[in-house]
Amino acid sequence: MCSENNSQVPQFQVFLNDLVENDFNTIFRSLPAFYSKLKKKGDKRGACYVYAVPGSFYSRLFPDENIHLFHSSYAVHWLSRVG
């Protein structure tokens, strides 16, 4: 689609967030295999950069005007604990 519109393939930044006590090592160990799979799919996909941001989503994790899309698949179960 990008080549049809004479556009560059977008690059993606993925920020993973979890509590400080949780271990991100398993995720980082799986990244080389993930990047290999992306390369096998060809140059039609943009680069993907993965980061980990420890902390609670109840406080600021990112600078203003930095996140374009946000998805949380596990935060909903914690909302029942909000007073």
N, C-alpha and C. Protein backbone atom coordinates (compact mmCIF):
# COMPACT_ATOMS: atom_id res chain seq x y z
N MET A 1 0.82 -1.18 0.00
CA MET A 1 0.00 0.00 0.00
C MET A 1 0.87 1.26 0.00
N CYS A 2 1.95 1.27 0.77
CA CYS A 2 2.81 2.45 0.82
C CYS A 2 3.46 2.71 -0.54
N SER A 3 3.92 1.64 -1.22
CA SER A 3 4.55 1.84 -2.51
C SER A 3 3.55 2.35 -3.55
N GLU A 4 2.30 1.96 -3.43
CA GLU A 4 1.27 2.44 -4.35
C GLU A 4 1.02 3.94 -4.17
N ASN A 5 1.23 4.44 -2.96
CA ASN A 5 0.99 5.85 -2.65
C ASN A 5 2.29 6.67 -2.60
N ASN A 6 3.40 6.04 -3.02
CA ASN A 6 4.71 6.70 -2.96
C ASN A 6 5.02 7.20 -1.55
N SER A 7 4.68 6.39 -0.56
CA SER A 7 4.93 6.72 0.85
C SER A 7 5.98 5.78 1.42
N GLN A 8 6.65 6.22 2.45
CA GLN A 8 7.59 5.36 3.14
C GLN A 8 6.84 4.38 4.04
N VAL A 9 7.41 3.21 4.21
CA VAL A 9 6.84 2.23 5.13
C VAL A 9 7.01 2.76 6.55
N PRO A 10 5.96 2.79 7.35
CA PRO A 10 6.09 3.35 8.70
C PRO A 10 6.95 2.48 9.61
N GLN A 11 7.61 3.13 10.53
CA GLN A 11 8.34 2.44 11.58
C GLN A 11 7.47 2.43 12.82
N PHE A 12 7.60 1.38 13.61
CA PHE A 12 6.76 1.25 14.80
C PHE A 12 7.61 1.23 16.05
N GLN A 13 7.14 1.92 17.08
CA GLN A 13 7.72 1.84 18.40
C GLN A 13 6.67 1.20 19.30
N VAL A 14 7.06 0.14 19.98
CA VAL A 14 6.15 -0.57 20.88
C VAL A 14 6.70 -0.43 22.29
N PHE A 15 5.89 0.16 23.17
CA PHE A 15 6.28 0.34 24.56
C PHE A 15 5.49 -0.65 25.41
N LEU A 16 6.19 -1.54 26.06
CA LEU A 16 5.55 -2.51 26.95
C LEU A 16 5.64 -1.97 28.37
N ASN A 17 4.55 -2.08 29.10
CA ASN A 17 4.52 -1.54 30.45
C ASN A 17 4.07 -2.61 31.42
N ASP A 18 4.71 -2.66 32.56
CA ASP A 18 4.28 -3.54 33.65
C ASP A 18 4.83 -2.96 34.94
N LEU A 19 4.41 -3.52 36.04
CA LEU A 19 4.88 -3.06 37.34
C LEU A 19 6.39 -3.27 37.46
N VAL A 20 7.02 -2.46 38.28
CA VAL A 20 8.48 -2.50 38.44
C VAL A 20 8.94 -3.89 38.91
N GLU A 21 8.14 -4.54 39.74
CA GLU A 21 8.53 -5.83 40.30
C GLU A 21 8.55 -6.96 39.26
N ASN A 22 7.87 -6.81 38.15
CA ASN A 22 7.79 -7.87 37.16
C ASN A 22 9.03 -7.90 36.28
N ASP A 23 9.31 -9.06 35.73
CA ASP A 23 10.56 -9.31 35.00
C ASP A 23 10.33 -9.21 33.49
N PHE A 24 11.03 -8.30 32.84
CA PHE A 24 10.93 -8.14 31.39
C PHE A 24 11.91 -9.04 30.63
N ASN A 25 12.76 -9.78 31.32
CA ASN A 25 13.81 -10.57 30.66
C ASN A 25 13.27 -11.58 29.67
N THR A 26 12.17 -12.24 29.98
CA THR A 26 11.60 -13.22 29.06
C THR A 26 11.21 -12.56 27.74
N ILE A 27 10.62 -11.40 27.83
CA ILE A 27 10.24 -10.68 26.61
C ILE A 27 11.47 -10.32 25.80
N PHE A 28 12.49 -9.78 26.45
CA PHE A 28 13.68 -9.37 25.72
C PHE A 28 14.42 -10.56 25.11
N ARG A 29 14.39 -11.71 25.77
CA ARG A 29 15.02 -12.91 25.20
C ARG A 29 14.28 -13.39 23.95
N SER A 30 12.99 -13.10 23.84
CA SER A 30 12.22 -13.54 22.67
C SER A 30 12.32 -12.58 21.49
N LEU A 31 12.87 -11.40 21.68
CA LEU A 31 12.93 -10.41 20.61
C LEU A 31 13.77 -10.82 19.40
N PRO A 32 14.93 -11.47 19.55
CA PRO A 32 15.66 -11.87 18.34
C PRO A 32 14.84 -12.77 17.41
N ALA A 33 14.08 -13.70 17.96
CA ALA A 33 13.22 -14.56 17.12
C ALA A 33 12.12 -13.73 16.47
N PHE A 34 11.57 -12.77 17.19
CA PHE A 34 10.54 -11.89 16.64
C PHE A 34 11.08 -11.09 15.47
N TYR A 35 12.28 -10.50 15.64
CA TYR A 35 12.88 -9.72 14.56
C TYR A 35 13.22 -10.59 13.36
N SER A 36 13.64 -11.83 13.60
CA SER A 36 13.92 -12.76 12.49
C SER A 36 12.66 -13.04 11.68
N LYS A 37 11.53 -13.22 12.37
CA LYS A 37 10.27 -13.45 11.67
C LYS A 37 9.87 -12.24 10.84
N LEU A 38 10.10 -11.05 11.35
CA LEU A 38 9.80 -9.84 10.59
C LEU A 38 10.64 -9.76 9.32
N LYS A 39 11.92 -10.09 9.42
CA LYS A 39 12.81 -10.04 8.25
C LYS A 39 12.37 -11.05 7.19
N LYS A 40 11.90 -12.22 7.60
CA LYS A 40 11.47 -13.25 6.65
C LYS A 40 10.24 -12.79 5.87
N LYS A 41 9.45 -11.91 6.45
CA LYS A 41 8.24 -11.44 5.78
C LYS A 41 8.55 -10.42 4.69
N GLY A 42 9.78 -9.95 4.62
CA GLY A 42 10.18 -9.05 3.55
C GLY A 42 10.27 -7.60 3.96
N ASP A 43 10.69 -6.78 3.02
CA ASP A 43 10.93 -5.36 3.27
C ASP A 43 9.65 -4.54 3.23
N LYS A 44 8.51 -5.16 3.05
CA LYS A 44 7.26 -4.41 2.97
C LYS A 44 6.79 -3.95 4.34
N ARG A 45 7.45 -4.42 5.38
CA ARG A 45 7.09 -4.02 6.74
C ARG A 45 8.16 -3.08 7.26
N GLY A 46 7.73 -2.09 8.01
CA GLY A 46 8.68 -1.15 8.59
C GLY A 46 9.38 -1.74 9.80
N ALA A 47 10.40 -1.06 10.23
CA ALA A 47 11.14 -1.49 11.41
C ALA A 47 10.25 -1.40 12.65
N CYS A 48 10.54 -2.26 13.60
CA CYS A 48 9.79 -2.29 14.85
C CYS A 48 10.78 -2.22 16.01
N TYR A 49 10.60 -1.25 16.86
CA TYR A 49 11.47 -1.05 18.01
C TYR A 49 10.65 -1.30 19.28
N VAL A 50 11.17 -2.18 20.15
CA VAL A 50 10.44 -2.57 21.35
C VAL A 50 11.17 -2.04 22.58
N TYR A 51 10.40 -1.40 23.47
CA TYR A 51 10.93 -0.84 24.71
C TYR A 51 10.09 -1.34 25.88
N ALA A 52 10.69 -1.34 27.06
CA ALA A 52 9.96 -1.66 28.28
C ALA A 52 9.96 -0.44 29.18
N VAL A 53 8.79 -0.14 29.74
CA VAL A 53 8.64 1.01 30.63
C VAL A 53 8.02 0.51 31.93
N PRO A 54 8.84 0.33 32.98
CA PRO A 54 8.28 -0.14 34.24
C PRO A 54 7.56 0.98 34.98
N GLY A 55 6.45 0.63 35.61
CA GLY A 55 5.70 1.60 36.39
C GLY A 55 4.21 1.34 36.31
N SER A 56 3.47 2.01 37.15
CA SER A 56 2.02 1.86 37.20
C SER A 56 1.36 2.78 36.18
N PHE A 57 0.27 2.30 35.55
CA PHE A 57 -0.42 3.16 34.59
C PHE A 57 -1.26 4.23 35.30
N TYR A 58 -1.25 4.24 36.64
CA TYR A 58 -1.94 5.29 37.39
C TYR A 58 -1.10 6.57 37.45
N SER A 59 0.14 6.50 37.02
CA SER A 59 0.98 7.69 36.99
C SER A 59 1.50 7.88 35.56
N ARG A 60 2.07 9.04 35.27
CA ARG A 60 2.56 9.34 33.93
C ARG A 60 3.74 8.43 33.59
N LEU A 61 3.67 7.82 32.42
CA LEU A 61 4.74 6.95 31.94
C LEU A 61 5.45 7.53 30.73
N PHE A 62 4.79 8.42 29.99
CA PHE A 62 5.33 8.93 28.74
C PHE A 62 5.17 10.45 28.69
N PRO A 63 6.01 11.12 27.89
CA PRO A 63 5.88 12.57 27.73
C PRO A 63 4.57 12.96 27.04
N ASP A 64 4.17 14.21 27.20
CA ASP A 64 2.98 14.72 26.51
C ASP A 64 3.12 14.54 25.00
N GLU A 65 1.99 14.28 24.35
CA GLU A 65 1.90 14.17 22.89
C GLU A 65 2.87 13.16 22.31
N ASN A 66 3.08 12.05 23.00
CA ASN A 66 4.04 11.05 22.55
C ASN A 66 3.38 9.77 22.05
N ILE A 67 2.26 9.39 22.61
CA ILE A 67 1.60 8.13 22.28
C ILE A 67 0.49 8.40 21.27
N HIS A 68 0.51 7.69 20.15
CA HIS A 68 -0.51 7.85 19.12
C HIS A 68 -1.61 6.80 19.23
N LEU A 69 -1.28 5.65 19.76
CA LEU A 69 -2.25 4.58 19.94
C LEU A 69 -1.89 3.84 21.21
N PHE A 70 -2.88 3.58 22.05
CA PHE A 70 -2.64 2.90 23.31
C PHE A 70 -3.61 1.74 23.42
N HIS A 71 -3.10 0.59 23.85
CA HIS A 71 -3.94 -0.59 24.05
C HIS A 71 -3.55 -1.24 25.37
N SER A 72 -4.53 -1.57 26.17
CA SER A 72 -4.29 -2.28 27.42
C SER A 72 -5.22 -3.48 27.46
N SER A 73 -4.64 -4.65 27.58
CA SER A 73 -5.48 -5.85 27.60
C SER A 73 -5.67 -6.40 29.01
N TYR A 74 -4.90 -5.93 29.96
CA TYR A 74 -5.02 -6.47 31.31
C TYR A 74 -5.37 -5.45 32.37
N ALA A 75 -5.39 -4.18 32.03
CA ALA A 75 -5.61 -3.14 33.03
C ALA A 75 -7.04 -3.13 33.55
N VAL A 76 -7.99 -3.60 32.78
CA VAL A 76 -9.40 -3.51 33.17
C VAL A 76 -9.66 -4.24 34.48
N HIS A 77 -9.03 -5.35 34.73
CA HIS A 77 -9.32 -6.09 35.96
C HIS A 77 -8.84 -5.34 37.19
N TRP A 78 -7.91 -4.39 37.05
CA TRP A 78 -7.45 -3.62 38.19
C TRP A 78 -8.40 -2.46 38.50
N LEU A 79 -9.19 -2.05 37.56
CA LEU A 79 -10.04 -0.90 37.77
C LEU A 79 -11.09 -1.13 38.86
N SER A 80 -11.45 -2.37 39.14
CA SER A 80 -12.40 -2.65 40.21
C SER A 80 -11.83 -2.30 41.57
N ARG A 81 -10.52 -2.12 41.66
CA ARG A 81 -9.86 -1.80 42.93
C ARG A 81 -9.75 -0.31 43.17
N VAL A 82 -10.18 0.49 42.23
CA VAL A 82 -10.11 1.94 42.38
C VAL A 82 -11.25 2.38 43.30
N GLY A 83 -10.93 3.23 44.26
CA GLY A 83 -11.90 3.66 45.26
C GLY A 83 -12.88 4.57 44.76
